[in-house]
């Protein structure tokens, strides 16, 4: 995400942007999860960003990375099994 180029960013406001409206109450967390480098961020719109928010975002990010890795490994196993299965 382009915002990662601005690690000292302290406030962002996406009011009126369609993606912000689509994410609604989840905007702050999604922003923190996707741009983990924004440790100095204090406000998203009018919502305060707390240390707990940063910690929750880090945990969520780690869970998503783990789930993605597991899904990729499972897909690779399934593909290998399909490739090695005897032809009928």
N, C-alpha and C. Protein backbone atom coordinates (compact mmCIF):
# COMPACT_ATOMS: atom_id res chain seq x y z
N UNK A 1 0.85 -1.18 0.00
CA UNK A 1 0.00 0.00 0.00
C UNK A 1 0.90 1.24 0.00
N UNK A 2 0.54 2.22 -0.75
CA UNK A 2 1.35 3.43 -0.90
C UNK A 2 1.56 4.17 0.41
N UNK A 3 0.65 4.02 1.36
CA UNK A 3 0.80 4.72 2.63
C UNK A 3 2.01 4.24 3.42
N UNK A 4 2.53 3.07 3.11
CA UNK A 4 3.70 2.57 3.83
C UNK A 4 4.93 3.45 3.60
N UNK A 5 4.88 4.29 2.58
CA UNK A 5 5.97 5.23 2.31
C UNK A 5 5.99 6.39 3.29
N UNK A 6 4.96 6.47 4.13
CA UNK A 6 4.83 7.59 5.07
C UNK A 6 4.71 7.08 6.51
N UNK A 7 5.77 6.48 7.05
CA UNK A 7 5.69 5.89 8.38
C UNK A 7 5.43 6.89 9.51
N UNK A 8 5.64 8.16 9.26
CA UNK A 8 5.41 9.18 10.28
C UNK A 8 4.02 9.80 10.19
N UNK A 9 3.19 9.28 9.31
CA UNK A 9 1.82 9.77 9.15
C UNK A 9 1.08 9.64 10.48
N UNK A 10 0.41 10.69 10.90
CA UNK A 10 -0.26 10.69 12.19
C UNK A 10 -1.79 10.67 12.08
N UNK A 11 -2.33 11.20 10.97
CA UNK A 11 -3.77 11.26 10.78
C UNK A 11 -4.12 10.99 9.32
N UNK A 12 -5.20 10.25 9.11
CA UNK A 12 -5.75 10.06 7.77
C UNK A 12 -7.26 10.18 7.86
N UNK A 13 -7.84 10.68 6.78
CA UNK A 13 -9.29 10.82 6.72
C UNK A 13 -9.74 10.44 5.31
N UNK A 14 -10.48 9.37 5.22
CA UNK A 14 -10.95 8.88 3.94
C UNK A 14 -12.43 9.16 3.73
N UNK A 15 -12.96 10.13 4.43
CA UNK A 15 -14.38 10.47 4.32
C UNK A 15 -14.76 10.70 2.87
N UNK A 16 -15.87 10.09 2.47
CA UNK A 16 -16.37 10.28 1.12
C UNK A 16 -15.79 9.33 0.10
N UNK A 17 -14.79 8.55 0.46
CA UNK A 17 -14.22 7.58 -0.48
C UNK A 17 -15.05 6.30 -0.45
N UNK A 18 -15.38 5.76 -1.61
CA UNK A 18 -16.23 4.57 -1.66
C UNK A 18 -15.69 3.39 -0.85
N UNK A 19 -14.37 3.18 -0.90
CA UNK A 19 -13.85 2.03 -0.16
C UNK A 19 -13.99 2.24 1.35
N UNK A 20 -13.91 3.48 1.80
CA UNK A 20 -14.09 3.77 3.23
C UNK A 20 -15.53 3.50 3.64
N UNK A 21 -16.45 3.86 2.78
CA UNK A 21 -17.87 3.60 3.07
C UNK A 21 -18.15 2.10 3.06
N UNK A 22 -17.49 1.38 2.15
CA UNK A 22 -17.68 -0.07 2.06
C UNK A 22 -17.14 -0.77 3.32
N UNK A 23 -16.00 -0.34 3.80
CA UNK A 23 -15.40 -0.95 5.00
C UNK A 23 -16.05 -0.46 6.29
N UNK A 24 -16.61 0.73 6.24
CA UNK A 24 -17.31 1.33 7.39
C UNK A 24 -16.50 1.22 8.67
N UNK A 25 -17.04 0.54 9.66
CA UNK A 25 -16.37 0.45 10.96
C UNK A 25 -15.08 -0.36 10.92
N UNK A 26 -14.86 -1.12 9.88
CA UNK A 26 -13.65 -1.93 9.77
C UNK A 26 -12.47 -1.20 9.13
N UNK A 27 -12.69 0.04 8.72
CA UNK A 27 -11.64 0.78 8.01
C UNK A 27 -10.37 0.91 8.83
N UNK A 28 -10.49 1.32 10.06
CA UNK A 28 -9.30 1.54 10.89
C UNK A 28 -8.48 0.26 11.00
N UNK A 29 -9.15 -0.85 11.32
CA UNK A 29 -8.41 -2.11 11.48
C UNK A 29 -7.79 -2.56 10.18
N UNK A 30 -8.52 -2.48 9.07
CA UNK A 30 -7.97 -2.89 7.78
C UNK A 30 -6.75 -2.05 7.41
N UNK A 31 -6.82 -0.77 7.68
CA UNK A 31 -5.70 0.12 7.40
C UNK A 31 -4.49 -0.29 8.23
N UNK A 32 -4.69 -0.54 9.51
CA UNK A 32 -3.58 -0.93 10.38
C UNK A 32 -3.03 -2.31 10.02
N UNK A 33 -3.90 -3.22 9.61
CA UNK A 33 -3.44 -4.56 9.22
C UNK A 33 -2.62 -4.48 7.94
N UNK A 34 -3.10 -3.75 6.97
CA UNK A 34 -2.44 -3.69 5.66
C UNK A 34 -1.18 -2.83 5.65
N UNK A 35 -1.14 -1.83 6.50
CA UNK A 35 0.01 -0.92 6.53
C UNK A 35 0.58 -0.93 7.95
N UNK A 36 1.19 -2.03 8.31
CA UNK A 36 1.69 -2.25 9.66
C UNK A 36 2.76 -1.22 10.05
N UNK A 37 3.36 -0.59 9.04
CA UNK A 37 4.41 0.39 9.29
C UNK A 37 3.90 1.69 9.91
N UNK A 38 2.59 1.89 9.94
CA UNK A 38 2.02 3.15 10.43
C UNK A 38 1.91 3.17 11.95
N UNK A 39 3.01 2.94 12.64
CA UNK A 39 3.02 2.90 14.10
C UNK A 39 2.74 4.26 14.73
N UNK A 40 2.94 5.35 13.99
CA UNK A 40 2.71 6.69 14.53
C UNK A 40 1.29 7.20 14.28
N UNK A 41 0.49 6.41 13.59
CA UNK A 41 -0.87 6.83 13.26
C UNK A 41 -1.70 6.96 14.54
N UNK A 42 -2.32 8.11 14.72
CA UNK A 42 -3.11 8.39 15.92
C UNK A 42 -4.60 8.56 15.65
N UNK A 43 -4.95 8.93 14.40
CA UNK A 43 -6.36 9.13 14.05
C UNK A 43 -6.66 8.58 12.66
N UNK A 44 -7.78 7.87 12.57
CA UNK A 44 -8.34 7.47 11.27
C UNK A 44 -9.72 8.09 11.25
N UNK A 45 -9.85 9.11 10.43
CA UNK A 45 -11.07 9.90 10.46
C UNK A 45 -11.17 10.56 11.82
N UNK A 46 -12.21 10.28 12.54
CA UNK A 46 -12.36 10.83 13.88
C UNK A 46 -12.08 9.79 14.96
N UNK A 47 -11.66 8.58 14.54
CA UNK A 47 -11.40 7.51 15.49
C UNK A 47 -9.95 7.53 15.96
N UNK A 48 -9.78 7.49 17.26
CA UNK A 48 -8.44 7.42 17.84
C UNK A 48 -7.86 6.03 17.59
N UNK A 49 -6.57 5.98 17.33
CA UNK A 49 -5.86 4.73 17.16
C UNK A 49 -5.05 4.48 18.43
N UNK A 50 -5.35 3.38 19.09
CA UNK A 50 -4.69 3.07 20.36
C UNK A 50 -3.60 2.01 20.18
N UNK A 51 -2.83 1.83 21.21
CA UNK A 51 -1.82 0.77 21.21
C UNK A 51 -2.50 -0.59 21.06
N UNK A 52 -3.66 -0.73 21.67
CA UNK A 52 -4.42 -1.98 21.55
C UNK A 52 -4.83 -2.23 20.10
N UNK A 53 -5.19 -1.16 19.38
CA UNK A 53 -5.52 -1.29 17.96
C UNK A 53 -4.31 -1.80 17.17
N UNK A 54 -3.15 -1.21 17.45
CA UNK A 54 -1.92 -1.64 16.76
C UNK A 54 -1.62 -3.10 17.06
N UNK A 55 -1.76 -3.49 18.32
CA UNK A 55 -1.49 -4.88 18.70
C UNK A 55 -2.47 -5.84 18.05
N UNK A 56 -3.75 -5.48 18.04
CA UNK A 56 -4.76 -6.32 17.40
C UNK A 56 -4.51 -6.45 15.90
N UNK A 57 -4.10 -5.35 15.29
CA UNK A 57 -3.81 -5.38 13.85
C UNK A 57 -2.62 -6.30 13.57
N UNK A 58 -1.61 -6.24 14.42
CA UNK A 58 -0.44 -7.11 14.23
C UNK A 58 -0.85 -8.57 14.34
N UNK A 59 -1.66 -8.91 15.33
CA UNK A 59 -2.13 -10.28 15.51
C UNK A 59 -2.97 -10.72 14.31
N UNK A 60 -3.86 -9.86 13.85
CA UNK A 60 -4.71 -10.17 12.70
C UNK A 60 -3.87 -10.40 11.47
N UNK A 61 -2.88 -9.56 11.26
CA UNK A 61 -1.99 -9.70 10.11
C UNK A 61 -1.26 -11.04 10.15
N UNK A 62 -0.73 -11.39 11.33
CA UNK A 62 -0.01 -12.65 11.48
C UNK A 62 -0.94 -13.85 11.22
N UNK A 63 -2.17 -13.77 11.71
CA UNK A 63 -3.15 -14.84 11.47
C UNK A 63 -3.46 -14.97 9.99
N UNK A 64 -3.61 -13.85 9.30
CA UNK A 64 -3.90 -13.90 7.86
C UNK A 64 -2.74 -14.47 7.07
N UNK A 65 -1.53 -14.10 7.44
CA UNK A 65 -0.34 -14.62 6.77
C UNK A 65 -0.25 -16.13 6.97
N UNK A 66 -0.49 -16.58 8.20
CA UNK A 66 -0.46 -18.01 8.50
C UNK A 66 -1.53 -18.76 7.71
N UNK A 67 -2.75 -18.22 7.69
CA UNK A 67 -3.84 -18.87 6.97
C UNK A 67 -3.54 -18.94 5.47
N UNK A 68 -2.98 -17.89 4.94
CA UNK A 68 -2.64 -17.87 3.51
C UNK A 68 -1.57 -18.91 3.21
N UNK A 69 -0.55 -18.97 4.06
CA UNK A 69 0.53 -19.94 3.86
C UNK A 69 -0.03 -21.37 3.94
N UNK A 70 -0.89 -21.63 4.91
CA UNK A 70 -1.49 -22.96 5.04
C UNK A 70 -2.34 -23.32 3.83
N UNK A 71 -3.10 -22.35 3.33
CA UNK A 71 -3.94 -22.60 2.15
C UNK A 71 -3.07 -22.90 0.93
N UNK A 72 -1.97 -22.17 0.79
CA UNK A 72 -1.06 -22.40 -0.35
C UNK A 72 -0.42 -23.78 -0.25
N UNK A 73 -0.02 -24.17 0.97
CA UNK A 73 0.59 -25.49 1.17
C UNK A 73 -0.42 -26.59 0.87
N UNK A 74 -1.66 -26.41 1.30
CA UNK A 74 -2.70 -27.40 1.04
C UNK A 74 -2.99 -27.50 -0.46
N UNK A 75 -3.03 -26.36 -1.14
CA UNK A 75 -3.26 -26.37 -2.59
C UNK A 75 -2.11 -27.08 -3.31
N UNK A 76 -0.89 -26.85 -2.86
CA UNK A 76 0.26 -27.51 -3.47
C UNK A 76 0.20 -29.02 -3.23
N UNK A 77 -0.19 -29.44 -2.01
CA UNK A 77 -0.34 -30.87 -1.72
C UNK A 77 -1.41 -31.50 -2.61
N UNK A 78 -2.54 -30.81 -2.72
CA UNK A 78 -3.64 -31.33 -3.54
C UNK A 78 -3.22 -31.44 -5.00
N UNK A 79 -2.49 -30.46 -5.49
CA UNK A 79 -2.03 -30.49 -6.88
C UNK A 79 -1.05 -31.64 -7.09
N UNK A 80 -0.16 -31.85 -6.11
CA UNK A 80 0.81 -32.94 -6.23
C UNK A 80 0.10 -34.29 -6.20
N UNK A 81 -0.89 -34.43 -5.33
CA UNK A 81 -1.64 -35.68 -5.27
C UNK A 81 -2.39 -35.93 -6.57
N UNK A 82 -2.98 -34.90 -7.12
CA UNK A 82 -3.72 -35.04 -8.38
C UNK A 82 -2.78 -35.43 -9.51
N UNK A 83 -1.60 -34.85 -9.48
CA UNK A 83 -0.62 -35.14 -10.53
C UNK A 83 -0.11 -36.58 -10.43
N UNK A 84 0.00 -37.10 -9.22
CA UNK A 84 0.52 -38.44 -8.99
C UNK A 84 -0.55 -39.51 -8.95
N UNK A 85 -1.79 -39.12 -9.03
CA UNK A 85 -2.89 -40.09 -9.00
C UNK A 85 -2.89 -40.91 -10.28
N UNK A 86 -3.17 -42.19 -10.14
CA UNK A 86 -3.22 -43.03 -11.36
C UNK A 86 -4.38 -42.61 -12.26
N UNK A 87 -4.13 -42.67 -13.53
CA UNK A 87 -5.17 -42.33 -14.52
C UNK A 87 -6.22 -43.42 -14.53
N UNK A 88 -7.45 -43.03 -14.67
CA UNK A 88 -8.55 -44.01 -14.69
C UNK A 88 -8.88 -44.42 -16.09
